[in-house]
Amino acid sequence: MLAHQTYSFESRLSDQLQRALALCAVHLPDAAARVRAFLAHFANPDPYAGFKAIPPAARAMHEAVLAGRGEQAGACFLLAAVLMGVRDSLASELMTRLPPRVRTHQLRQFARMANHDEAFLPFCRLYSDVFLKEFGLATLRLYAGASSVIDPRSGMGRSMLWKGGLLQLPGRAWLFARAGGFKPWFEIHVNRLYQDEFNEEGRNECYRCCVDLYELHPQALGMIAGSWFYDPVVEIISPHLAYLRTVPEEGGARALFVSHDEQAVKNATATSEKRRALQAAGQYRPAAWALVWPRRAQTAWARRHKDTND
């Protein structure tokens, strides 16, 4: 069944790629060659460069398209890059090395992305968060993990030691010392275009994916994440979201205060009238928090919480 589904979406992917290249060809006669050259610049990512890192040569190529052909050509170029990236990744050696659990999720995302057409063009801006996550998945610089995407080349700045004040400094320093340092860590992110599995089981599956990926990335120190919903007060205001912090904490993770900032306010109040009202009344001050889950503790959690299908 899986082989049939893979063949089906590969056929769809081929059609969409040819369509995207045809759109590019209106502006760029050598579109296919340019897209292949663009992708080649991402072939050997820096071990500590996260998914938002754009190689200077790739950035220059895209800027040349924008300067010479305009925004529409640039968007078509990036759409073709996503689709060609998926096609190349399907045939890559790295795809064969993915743990079975992760490969299943990756194929699900590839099947979804094979439907990208002109409707995806508004997201095709080189520094758009949506584009970078889709392109990261397409090129296997990000891995699919049910509720989230997993960046295997992230890290934590040393400034994190000071963000909780002097009283928390020793504890934070000990946390990172025991884990092995500040990089590299897996970092998980929500993908705005795919939230079908953003629930407790989808999140647990993401953690299992991280653990399976440690074999492929033995240098990884653990998993980190950042969001307003790791704030302990969210458990009181929005108890249905408590699992996002409590499940990892029960498995040995630590939630660390980062800052009060406008982005945290924007994100925390975007989808909840209750949180908006409490924030407006001065009864809730959204904050950015970080989740830090050392590898050993996360691996032990996964052993205790195996998927029933394993």
C-alpha atoms as a PDB file:
ATOM      1  CA  MET A   1       0.000   0.000   0.000  1.00  0.00           C
ATOM      2  CA  LEU A   2       2.779   2.409   0.956  1.00  0.00           C
ATOM      3  CA  ALA A   3       4.633   1.682  -2.289  1.00  0.00           C
ATOM      4  CA  HIS A   4       1.455   2.396  -4.270  1.00  0.00           C
ATOM      5  CA  GLN A   5       0.880   5.663  -2.405  1.00  0.00           C
ATOM      6  CA  THR A   6       4.500   6.668  -2.975  1.00  0.00           C
ATOM      7  CA  TYR A   7       4.190   5.999  -6.707  1.00  0.00           C
ATOM      8  CA  SER A   8       0.956   7.970  -6.812  1.00  0.00           C
ATOM      9  CA  PHE A   9       2.374  11.093  -5.203  1.00  0.00           C
ATOM     10  CA  GLU A  10       5.620  10.815  -7.176  1.00  0.00           C
ATOM     11  CA  SER A  11       3.526  11.003 -10.330  1.00  0.00           C
ATOM     12  CA  ARG A  12       1.724  14.040  -8.961  1.00  0.00           C
ATOM     13  CA  LEU A  13       5.064  15.549  -7.906  1.00  0.00           C
ATOM     14  CA  SER A  14       6.483  15.118 -11.414  1.00  0.00           C
ATOM     15  CA  ASP A  15       3.472  16.877 -12.920  1.00  0.00           C
ATOM     16  CA  GLN A  16       3.680  19.765 -10.461  1.00  0.00           C
ATOM     17  CA  LEU A  17       7.431  20.143 -10.965  1.00  0.00           C
ATOM     18  CA  GLN A  18       7.049  20.339 -14.733  1.00  0.00           C
ATOM     19  CA  ARG A  19       4.300  22.897 -14.281  1.00  0.00           C
ATOM     20  CA  ALA A  20       6.447  24.974 -11.930  1.00  0.00           C
ATOM     21  CA  LEU A  21       9.396  24.836 -14.316  1.00  0.00           C
ATOM     22  CA  ALA A  22       7.113  25.922 -17.144  1.00  0.00           C
ATOM     23  CA  LEU A  23       6.070  28.922 -15.038  1.00  0.00           C
ATOM     24  CA  CYS A  24       9.745  29.688 -14.467  1.00  0.00           C
ATOM     25  CA  ALA A  25      10.589  29.300 -18.130  1.00  0.00           C
ATOM     26  CA  VAL A  26       8.347  32.262 -18.965  1.00  0.00           C
ATOM     27  CA  HIS A  27      10.924  34.363 -17.122  1.00  0.00           C
ATOM     28  CA  LEU A  28      14.003  32.116 -17.126  1.00  0.00           C
ATOM     29  CA  PRO A  29      14.766  30.055 -20.248  1.00  0.00           C
ATOM     30  CA  ASP A  30      17.343  27.987 -18.302  1.00  0.00           C
ATOM     31  CA  ALA A  31      15.089  27.533 -15.266  1.00  0.00           C
ATOM     32  CA  ALA A  32      15.776  23.833 -14.613  1.00  0.00           C
ATOM     33  CA  ALA A  33      19.552  24.283 -14.656  1.00  0.00           C
ATOM     34  CA  ARG A  34      19.338  27.320 -12.386  1.00  0.00           C
ATOM     35  CA  VAL A  35      17.145  25.511  -9.868  1.00  0.00           C
ATOM     36  CA  ARG A  36      19.516  22.518  -9.828  1.00  0.00           C
ATOM     37  CA  ALA A  37      22.457  24.869  -9.202  1.00  0.00           C
ATOM     38  CA  PHE A  38      20.526  26.596  -6.421  1.00  0.00           C
ATOM     39  CA  LEU A  39      19.836  23.257  -4.706  1.00  0.00           C
ATOM     40  CA  ALA A  40      23.468  22.203  -5.035  1.00  0.00           C
ATOM     41  CA  HIS A  41      24.500  25.008  -2.691  1.00  0.00           C
ATOM     42  CA  PHE A  42      22.491  23.325   0.100  1.00  0.00           C
ATOM     43  CA  ALA A  43      23.961  19.866  -0.429  1.00  0.00           C
ATOM     44  CA  ASN A  44      26.498  19.996   2.428  1.00  0.00           C
ATOM     45  CA  PRO A  45      25.003  22.068   5.253  1.00  0.00           C
ATOM     46  CA  ASP A  46      27.200  23.426   8.000  1.00  0.00           C
ATOM     47  CA  PRO A  47      26.877  21.126  11.047  1.00  0.00           C
ATOM     48  CA  TYR A  48      25.816  24.077  13.204  1.00  0.00           C
ATOM     49  CA  ALA A  49      23.727  26.005  10.669  1.00  0.00           C
ATOM     50  CA  GLY A  50      20.003  25.711  11.322  1.00  0.00           C
ATOM     51  CA  PHE A  51      17.297  25.506   8.691  1.00  0.00           C
ATOM     52  CA  LYS A  52      17.154  29.294   8.274  1.00  0.00           C
ATOM     53  CA  ALA A  53      20.759  29.490   7.075  1.00  0.00           C
ATOM     54  CA  ILE A  54      21.001  30.411   3.381  1.00  0.00           C
ATOM     55  CA  PRO A  55      24.393  29.841   1.708  1.00  0.00           C
ATOM     56  CA  PRO A  56      25.661  33.159   0.259  1.00  0.00           C
ATOM     57  CA  ALA A  57      25.908  31.710  -3.252  1.00  0.00           C
ATOM     58  CA  ALA A  58      22.284  30.539  -3.143  1.00  0.00           C
ATOM     59  CA  ARG A  59      21.161  33.917  -1.841  1.00  0.00           C
ATOM     60  CA  ALA A  60      23.045  35.631  -4.663  1.00  0.00           C
ATOM     61  CA  MET A  61      21.384  33.381  -7.253  1.00  0.00           C
ATOM     62  CA  HIS A  62      17.918  34.214  -5.991  1.00  0.00           C
ATOM     63  CA  GLU A  63      18.707  37.923  -5.788  1.00  0.00           C
ATOM     64  CA  ALA A  64      19.841  37.811  -9.404  1.00  0.00           C
ATOM     65  CA  VAL A  65      16.489  36.323 -10.428  1.00  0.00           C
ATOM     66  CA  LEU A  66      14.633  39.014  -8.488  1.00  0.00           C
ATOM     67  CA  ALA A  67      16.754  41.809  -9.910  1.00  0.00           C
ATOM     68  CA  GLY A  68      16.520  40.622 -13.472  1.00  0.00           C
ATOM     69  CA  ARG A  69      13.028  39.148 -13.653  1.00  0.00           C
ATOM     70  CA  GLY A  70      10.999  40.396 -10.682  1.00  0.00           C
ATOM     71  CA  GLU A  71       9.078  39.051  -7.694  1.00  0.00           C
ATOM     72  CA  GLN A  72       6.861  36.657  -9.645  1.00  0.00           C
ATOM     73  CA  ALA A  73       9.852  34.993 -11.265  1.00  0.00           C
ATOM     74  CA  GLY A  74      11.551  34.727  -7.885  1.00  0.00           C
ATOM     75  CA  ALA A  75       8.494  33.048  -6.359  1.00  0.00           C
ATOM     76  CA  CYS A  76       8.175  30.580  -9.254  1.00  0.00           C
ATOM     77  CA  PHE A  77      11.873  29.807  -8.906  1.00  0.00           C
ATOM     78  CA  LEU A  78      11.462  28.932  -5.213  1.00  0.00           C
ATOM     79  CA  LEU A  79       8.349  26.833  -5.874  1.00  0.00           C
ATOM     80  CA  ALA A  80      10.316  24.816  -8.404  1.00  0.00           C
ATOM     81  CA  ALA A  81      13.178  24.491  -5.892  1.00  0.00           C
ATOM     82  CA  VAL A  82      10.833  22.968  -3.284  1.00  0.00           C
ATOM     83  CA  LEU A  83       9.386  20.452  -5.738  1.00  0.00           C
ATOM     84  CA  MET A  84      12.742  19.533  -7.248  1.00  0.00           C
ATOM     85  CA  GLY A  85      14.136  19.218  -3.736  1.00  0.00           C
ATOM     86  CA  VAL A  86      11.447  16.685  -2.839  1.00  0.00           C
ATOM     87  CA  ARG A  87      12.128  14.726  -6.034  1.00  0.00           C
ATOM     88  CA  ASP A  88      15.872  14.616  -5.346  1.00  0.00           C
ATOM     89  CA  SER A  89      15.394  13.714  -1.682  1.00  0.00           C
ATOM     90  CA  LEU A  90      13.196  10.750  -2.552  1.00  0.00           C
ATOM     91  CA  ALA A  91      16.101   9.244  -4.471  1.00  0.00           C
ATOM     92  CA  SER A  92      18.803  10.266  -1.989  1.00  0.00           C
ATOM     93  CA  GLU A  93      20.996   8.041   0.136  1.00  0.00           C
ATOM     94  CA  LEU A  94      19.981  10.019   3.227  1.00  0.00           C
ATOM     95  CA  MET A  95      16.325   9.092   2.665  1.00  0.00           C
ATOM     96  CA  THR A  96      17.243   5.407   2.835  1.00  0.00           C
ATOM     97  CA  ARG A  97      19.090   5.986   6.111  1.00  0.00           C
ATOM     98  CA  LEU A  98      16.198   7.637   7.916  1.00  0.00           C
ATOM     99  CA  PRO A  99      14.750   5.613  10.784  1.00  0.00           C
ATOM    100  CA  PRO A 100      11.548   3.864   9.616  1.00  0.00           C
ATOM    101  CA  ARG A 101       9.343   5.994  11.873  1.00  0.00           C
ATOM    102  CA  VAL A 102      10.793   9.231  10.518  1.00  0.00           C
ATOM    103  CA  ARG A 103      10.736   8.015   6.917  1.00  0.00           C
ATOM    104  CA  THR A 104       7.007   7.363   7.214  1.00  0.00           C
ATOM    105  CA  HIS A 105       6.374  10.914   8.390  1.00  0.00           C
ATOM    106  CA  GLN A 106       8.727  12.311   5.756  1.00  0.00           C
ATOM    107  CA  LEU A 107       6.823  10.519   2.990  1.00  0.00           C
ATOM    108  CA  ARG A 108       3.557  11.882   4.366  1.00  0.00           C
ATOM    109  CA  GLN A 109       4.947  15.402   4.146  1.00  0.00           C
ATOM    110  CA  PHE A 110       6.332  14.810   0.670  1.00  0.00           C
ATOM    111  CA  ALA A 111       2.902  13.613  -0.454  1.00  0.00           C
ATOM    112  CA  ARG A 112       1.362  16.806   0.920  1.00  0.00           C
ATOM    113  CA  MET A 113       4.017  18.997  -0.690  1.00  0.00           C
ATOM    114  CA  ALA A 114       3.580  17.285  -4.050  1.00  0.00           C
ATOM    115  CA  ASN A 115       0.315  19.234  -4.322  1.00  0.00           C
ATOM    116  CA  HIS A 116       2.028  22.629  -4.156  1.00  0.00           C
ATOM    117  CA  ASP A 117       1.051  24.753  -7.127  1.00  0.00           C
ATOM    118  CA  GLU A 118       0.453  28.455  -7.818  1.00  0.00           C
ATOM    119  CA  ALA A 119      -1.478  28.717  -4.537  1.00  0.00           C
ATOM    120  CA  PHE A 120       1.844  28.237  -2.733  1.00  0.00           C
ATOM    121  CA  LEU A 121       3.508  31.161  -4.530  1.00  0.00           C
ATOM    122  CA  PRO A 122       2.573  33.796  -1.888  1.00  0.00           C
ATOM    123  CA  PHE A 123       4.719  31.852   0.609  1.00  0.00           C
ATOM    124  CA  CYS A 124       7.691  31.695  -1.774  1.00  0.00           C
ATOM    125  CA  ARG A 125       9.876  34.407  -0.293  1.00  0.00           C
ATOM    126  CA  LEU A 126      13.411  33.390   0.573  1.00  0.00           C
ATOM    127  CA  TYR A 127      13.221  34.420   4.241  1.00  0.00           C
ATOM    128  CA  SER A 128       9.581  33.472   4.824  1.00  0.00           C
ATOM    129  CA  ASP A 129       9.243  31.119   7.798  1.00  0.00           C
ATOM    130  CA  VAL A 130       6.742  28.981   5.881  1.00  0.00           C
ATOM    131  CA  PHE A 131       8.989  28.708   2.832  1.00  0.00           C
ATOM    132  CA  LEU A 132      12.086  27.886   4.876  1.00  0.00           C
ATOM    133  CA  LYS A 133      10.290  25.067   6.695  1.00  0.00           C
ATOM    134  CA  GLU A 134       8.865  23.605   3.487  1.00  0.00           C
ATOM    135  CA  PHE A 135      12.214  23.927   1.721  1.00  0.00           C
ATOM    136  CA  GLY A 136      13.979  22.420   4.733  1.00  0.00           C
ATOM    137  CA  LEU A 137      11.670  19.413   4.618  1.00  0.00           C
ATOM    138  CA  ALA A 138      12.074  19.141   0.854  1.00  0.00           C
ATOM    139  CA  THR A 139      15.864  19.013   1.093  1.00  0.00           C
ATOM    140  CA  LEU A 140      16.020  16.858   4.255  1.00  0.00           C
ATOM    141  CA  ARG A 141      17.632  19.653   6.230  1.00  0.00           C
ATOM    142  CA  LEU A 142      14.534  19.318   8.398  1.00  0.00           C
ATOM    143  CA  TYR A 143      12.929  16.026   9.357  1.00  0.00           C
ATOM    144  CA  ALA A 144       9.212  15.393   9.671  1.00  0.00           C
ATOM    145  CA  GLY A 145       8.103  14.438  13.165  1.00  0.00           C
ATOM    146  CA  ALA A 146       4.305  14.269  13.343  1.00  0.00           C
ATOM    147  CA  SER A 147       3.350  17.456  15.232  1.00  0.00           C
ATOM    148  CA  SER A 148       6.547  19.302  14.339  1.00  0.00           C
ATOM    149  CA  VAL A 149       9.579  19.539  12.100  1.00  0.00           C
ATOM    150  CA  ILE A 150      12.977  18.676  13.582  1.00  0.00           C
ATOM    151  CA  ASP A 151      16.090  20.750  12.901  1.00  0.00           C
ATOM    152  CA  PRO A 152      19.165  18.612  13.674  1.00  0.00           C
ATOM    153  CA  ARG A 153      21.656  21.506  13.499  1.00  0.00           C
ATOM    154  CA  SER A 154      20.435  23.952  16.101  1.00  0.00           C
ATOM    155  CA  GLY A 155      21.851  25.135  19.396  1.00  0.00           C
ATOM    156  CA  MET A 156      21.334  27.353  22.406  1.00  0.00           C
ATOM    157  CA  GLY A 157      23.105  30.656  22.961  1.00  0.00           C
ATOM    158  CA  ARG A 158      25.138  31.037  26.135  1.00  0.00           C
ATOM    159  CA  SER A 159      23.032  34.084  26.975  1.00  0.00           C
ATOM    160  CA  MET A 160      20.378  31.573  28.081  1.00  0.00           C
ATOM    161  CA  LEU A 161      22.390  31.161  31.278  1.00  0.00           C
ATOM    162  CA  TRP A 162      21.590  34.725  32.343  1.00  0.00           C
ATOM    163  CA  LYS A 163      17.975  35.081  31.276  1.00  0.00           C
ATOM    164  CA  GLY A 164      16.592  33.681  34.523  1.00  0.00           C
ATOM    165  CA  GLY A 165      18.631  36.013  36.731  1.00  0.00           C
ATOM    166  CA  LEU A 166      21.569  35.291  39.009  1.00  0.00           C
ATOM    167  CA  LEU A 167      19.658  32.855  41.229  1.00  0.00           C
ATOM    168  CA  GLN A 168      18.980  30.527  38.303  1.00  0.00           C
ATOM    169  CA  LEU A 169      22.456  30.806  36.785  1.00  0.00           C
ATOM    170  CA  PRO A 170      24.066  27.841  38.629  1.00  0.00           C
ATOM    171  CA  GLY A 171      21.188  25.510  37.819  1.00  0.00           C
ATOM    172  CA  ARG A 172      21.157  26.454  34.155  1.00  0.00           C
ATOM    173  CA  ALA A 173      24.926  26.131  33.889  1.00  0.00           C
ATOM    174  CA  TRP A 174      24.750  22.651  35.452  1.00  0.00           C
ATOM    175  CA  LEU A 175      21.955  21.643  33.054  1.00  0.00           C
ATOM    176  CA  PHE A 176      24.023  22.430  29.957  1.00  0.00           C
ATOM    177  CA  ALA A 177      27.253  21.123  31.460  1.00  0.00           C
ATOM    178  CA  ARG A 178      25.672  17.740  32.176  1.00  0.00           C
ATOM    179  CA  ALA A 179      24.101  17.643  28.699  1.00  0.00           C
ATOM    180  CA  GLY A 180      27.462  18.330  27.042  1.00  0.00           C
ATOM    181  CA  GLY A 181      27.269  21.936  25.900  1.00  0.00           C
ATOM    182  CA  PHE A 182      25.244  24.415  23.879  1.00  0.00           C
ATOM    183  CA  LYS A 183      25.322  22.790  20.426  1.00  0.00           C
ATOM    184  CA  PRO A 184      24.321  20.875  18.455  1.00  0.00           C
ATOM    185  CA  TRP A 185      20.784  20.217  19.668  1.00  0.00           C
ATOM    186  CA  PHE A 186      17.680  19.090  17.821  1.00  0.00           C
ATOM    187  CA  GLU A 187      15.153  21.924  17.750  1.00  0.00           C
ATOM    188  CA  ILE A 188      11.495  21.319  17.008  1.00  0.00           C
ATOM    189  CA  HIS A 189       9.195  23.818  15.298  1.00  0.00           C
ATOM    190  CA  VAL A 190       5.509  23.922  14.423  1.00  0.00           C
ATOM    191  CA  ASN A 191       4.861  23.926  10.687  1.00  0.00           C
ATOM    192  CA  ARG A 192       2.022  26.349   9.999  1.00  0.00           C
ATOM    193  CA  LEU A 193       0.991  24.471   6.838  1.00  0.00           C
ATOM    194  CA  TYR A 194       0.613  21.139   8.616  1.00  0.00           C
ATOM    195  CA  GLN A 195      -1.020  20.975  12.037  1.00  0.00           C
ATOM    196  CA  ASP A 196      -3.118  17.829  11.655  1.00  0.00           C
ATOM    197  CA  GLU A 197      -1.095  16.087  14.369  1.00  0.00           C
ATOM    198  CA  PHE A 198      -0.657  19.012  16.743  1.00  0.00           C
ATOM    199  CA  ASN A 199      -2.065  17.169  19.741  1.00  0.00           C
ATOM    200  CA  GLU A 200      -0.664  15.174  22.629  1.00  0.00           C
ATOM    201  CA  GLU A 201      -0.101  11.954  20.719  1.00  0.00           C
ATOM    202  CA  GLY A 202       1.390  13.823  17.762  1.00  0.00           C
ATOM    203  CA  ARG A 203       3.744  15.553  20.145  1.00  0.00           C
ATOM    204  CA  ASN A 204       4.750  12.281  21.796  1.00  0.00           C
ATOM    205  CA  GLU A 205       5.409  10.856  18.357  1.00  0.00           C
ATOM    206  CA  CYS A 206       7.684  13.816  17.633  1.00  0.00           C
ATOM    207  CA  TYR A 207       9.726  13.007  20.738  1.00  0.00           C
ATOM    208  CA  ARG A 208      10.036   9.381  19.612  1.00  0.00           C
ATOM    209  CA  CYS A 209      11.236  10.594  16.211  1.00  0.00           C
ATOM    210  CA  CYS A 210      13.933  12.660  17.920  1.00  0.00           C
ATOM    211  CA  VAL A 211      15.121   9.620  19.849  1.00  0.00           C
ATOM    212  CA  ASP A 212      15.216   7.473  16.701  1.00  0.00           C
ATOM    213  CA  LEU A 213      17.232  10.206  14.939  1.00  0.00           C
ATOM    214  CA  TYR A 214      19.965  10.245  17.578  1.00  0.00           C
ATOM    215  CA  GLU A 215      21.507   7.226  15.879  1.00  0.00           C
ATOM    216  CA  LEU A 216      21.764   9.214  12.631  1.00  0.00           C
ATOM    217  CA  HIS A 217      23.051  12.284  14.515  1.00  0.00           C
ATOM    218  CA  PRO A 218      25.119  10.852  17.402  1.00  0.00           C
ATOM    219  CA  GLN A 219      26.606  14.270  18.188  1.00  0.00           C
ATOM    220  CA  ALA A 220      23.190  15.751  19.113  1.00  0.00           C
ATOM    221  CA  LEU A 221      22.939  16.648  22.803  1.00  0.00           C
ATOM    222  CA  GLY A 222      19.162  16.494  23.095  1.00  0.00           C
ATOM    223  CA  MET A 223      16.072  18.442  22.043  1.00  0.00           C
ATOM    224  CA  ILE A 224      15.208  22.098  22.548  1.00  0.00           C
ATOM    225  CA  ALA A 225      12.161  24.188  21.667  1.00  0.00           C
ATOM    226  CA  GLY A 226      10.906  27.690  22.284  1.00  0.00           C
ATOM    227  CA  SER A 227       7.383  29.048  22.709  1.00  0.00           C
ATOM    228  CA  TRP A 228       4.976  30.935  24.921  1.00  0.00           C
ATOM    229  CA  PHE A 229       3.167  27.689  25.725  1.00  0.00           C
ATOM    230  CA  TYR A 230       6.034  26.321  27.854  1.00  0.00           C
ATOM    231  CA  ASP A 231       5.214  29.018  30.428  1.00  0.00           C
ATOM    232  CA  PRO A 232       3.890  27.220  33.562  1.00  0.00           C
ATOM    233  CA  VAL A 233       1.062  29.762  33.890  1.00  0.00           C
ATOM    234  CA  VAL A 234      -0.437  28.450  30.616  1.00  0.00           C
ATOM    235  CA  GLU A 235      -1.415  25.272  32.470  1.00  0.00           C
ATOM    236  CA  ILE A 236      -3.829  27.398  34.519  1.00  0.00           C
ATOM    237  CA  ILE A 237      -5.114  29.627  31.710  1.00  0.00           C
ATOM    238  CA  SER A 238      -5.306  26.983  28.971  1.00  0.00           C
ATOM    239  CA  PRO A 239      -5.146  23.574  30.673  1.00  0.00           C
ATOM    240  CA  HIS A 240      -5.709  21.719  27.384  1.00  0.00           C
ATOM    241  CA  LEU A 241      -2.172  22.849  26.383  1.00  0.00           C
ATOM    242  CA  ALA A 242      -0.496  21.742  29.616  1.00  0.00           C
ATOM    243  CA  TYR A 243       0.852  18.531  28.040  1.00  0.00           C
ATOM    244  CA  LEU A 244       3.233  20.574  25.878  1.00  0.00           C
ATOM    245  CA  ARG A 245       5.301  21.321  28.997  1.00  0.00           C
ATOM    246  CA  THR A 246       4.289  18.716  31.566  1.00  0.00           C
ATOM    247  CA  VAL A 247       4.984  15.604  29.476  1.00  0.00           C
ATOM    248  CA  PRO A 248       8.605  16.595  28.723  1.00  0.00           C
ATOM    249  CA  GLU A 249       9.150  17.839  32.280  1.00  0.00           C
ATOM    250  CA  GLU A 250       7.947  14.521  33.677  1.00  0.00           C
ATOM    251  CA  GLY A 251      10.530  12.949  31.367  1.00  0.00           C
ATOM    252  CA  GLY A 252      13.412  15.060  32.666  1.00  0.00           C
ATOM    253  CA  ALA A 253      13.156  18.223  30.537  1.00  0.00           C
ATOM    254  CA  ARG A 254      13.499  21.732  31.953  1.00  0.00           C
ATOM    255  CA  ALA A 255      11.378  24.771  31.049  1.00  0.00           C
ATOM    256  CA  LEU A 256      13.411  27.996  31.220  1.00  0.00           C
ATOM    257  CA  PHE A 257      12.159  31.587  31.174  1.00  0.00           C
ATOM    258  CA  VAL A 258      13.585  33.582  28.254  1.00  0.00           C
ATOM    259  CA  SER A 259      11.888  36.984  28.031  1.00  0.00           C
ATOM    260  CA  HIS A 260       8.769  39.087  27.843  1.00  0.00           C
ATOM    261  CA  ASP A 261       8.460  40.307  24.271  1.00  0.00           C
ATOM    262  CA  GLU A 262       5.939  41.391  21.679  1.00  0.00           C
ATOM    263  CA  GLN A 263       6.253  38.199  19.642  1.00  0.00           C
ATOM    264  CA  ALA A 264       5.243  36.122  22.663  1.00  0.00           C
ATOM    265  CA  VAL A 265       2.200  38.374  23.160  1.00  0.00           C
ATOM    266  CA  LYS A 266       1.263  38.080  19.492  1.00  0.00           C
ATOM    267  CA  ASN A 267       1.589  34.300  19.419  1.00  0.00           C
ATOM    268  CA  ALA A 268      -0.110  33.638  22.757  1.00  0.00           C
ATOM    269  CA  THR A 269      -3.163  35.767  21.946  1.00  0.00           C
ATOM    270  CA  ALA A 270      -3.541  34.887  18.261  1.00  0.00           C
ATOM    271  CA  THR A 271      -6.066  32.056  18.625  1.00  0.00           C
ATOM    272  CA  SER A 272      -7.642  32.487  22.061  1.00  0.00           C
ATOM    273  CA  GLU A 273     -10.216  35.058  23.093  1.00  0.00           C
ATOM    274  CA  LYS A 274      -9.642  34.092  26.730  1.00  0.00           C
ATOM    275  CA  ARG A 275      -5.905  34.768  26.578  1.00  0.00           C
ATOM    276  CA  ARG A 276      -6.513  38.018  24.682  1.00  0.00           C
ATOM    277  CA  ALA A 277      -8.970  39.195  27.339  1.00  0.00           C
ATOM    278  CA  LEU A 278      -6.670  38.272  30.230  1.00  0.00           C
ATOM    279  CA  GLN A 279      -3.719  39.962  28.567  1.00  0.00           C
ATOM    280  CA  ALA A 280      -5.741  43.110  27.846  1.00  0.00           C
ATOM    281  CA  ALA A 281      -6.906  43.209  31.481  1.00  0.00           C
ATOM    282  CA  GLY A 282      -3.346  42.931  32.753  1.00  0.00           C
ATOM    283  CA  GLN A 283      -4.013  39.526  34.291  1.00  0.00           C
ATOM    284  CA  TYR A 284      -1.735  37.574  31.955  1.00  0.00           C
ATOM    285  CA  ARG A 285       1.646  38.613  30.621  1.00  0.00           C
ATOM    286  CA  PRO A 286       2.746  36.242  27.848  1.00  0.00           C
ATOM    287  CA  ALA A 287       6.397  35.292  27.919  1.00  0.00           C
ATOM    288  CA  ALA A 288       8.840  33.344  25.789  1.00  0.00           C
ATOM    289  CA  TRP A 289      10.120  30.150  27.387  1.00  0.00           C
ATOM    290  CA  ALA A 290      12.581  27.495  26.253  1.00  0.00           C
ATOM    291  CA  LEU A 291      12.287  23.748  26.713  1.00  0.00           C
ATOM    292  CA  VAL A 292      15.547  21.820  27.161  1.00  0.00           C
ATOM    293  CA  TRP A 293      15.454  18.011  27.112  1.00  0.00           C
ATOM    294  CA  PRO A 294      18.849  16.293  27.376  1.00  0.00           C
ATOM    295  CA  ARG A 295      19.324  13.283  25.154  1.00  0.00           C
ATOM    296  CA  ARG A 296      19.716  10.714  27.905  1.00  0.00           C
ATOM    297  CA  ALA A 297      16.517  11.777  29.649  1.00  0.00           C
ATOM    298  CA  GLN A 298      14.526  11.928  26.414  1.00  0.00           C
ATOM    299  CA  THR A 299      15.765   8.493  25.374  1.00  0.00           C
ATOM    300  CA  ALA A 300      14.735   7.060  28.745  1.00  0.00           C
ATOM    301  CA  TRP A 301      11.289   8.649  28.345  1.00  0.00           C
ATOM    302  CA  ALA A 302      10.891   7.046  24.914  1.00  0.00           C
ATOM    303  CA  ARG A 303      11.733   3.615  26.312  1.00  0.00           C
ATOM    304  CA  ARG A 304       8.954   4.026  28.866  1.00  0.00           C
ATOM    305  CA  HIS A 305       6.450   5.400  26.340  1.00  0.00           C
ATOM    306  CA  LYS A 306       6.718   3.188  23.312  1.00  0.00           C
ATOM    307  CA  ASP A 307       4.174   3.544  20.538  1.00  0.00           C
ATOM    308  CA  THR A 308       1.703   0.633  20.676  1.00  0.00           C
ATOM    309  CA  ASN A 309       2.497   0.028  16.986  1.00  0.00           C
ATOM    310  CA  ASP A 310       6.231  -0.427  17.679  1.00  0.00           C
END
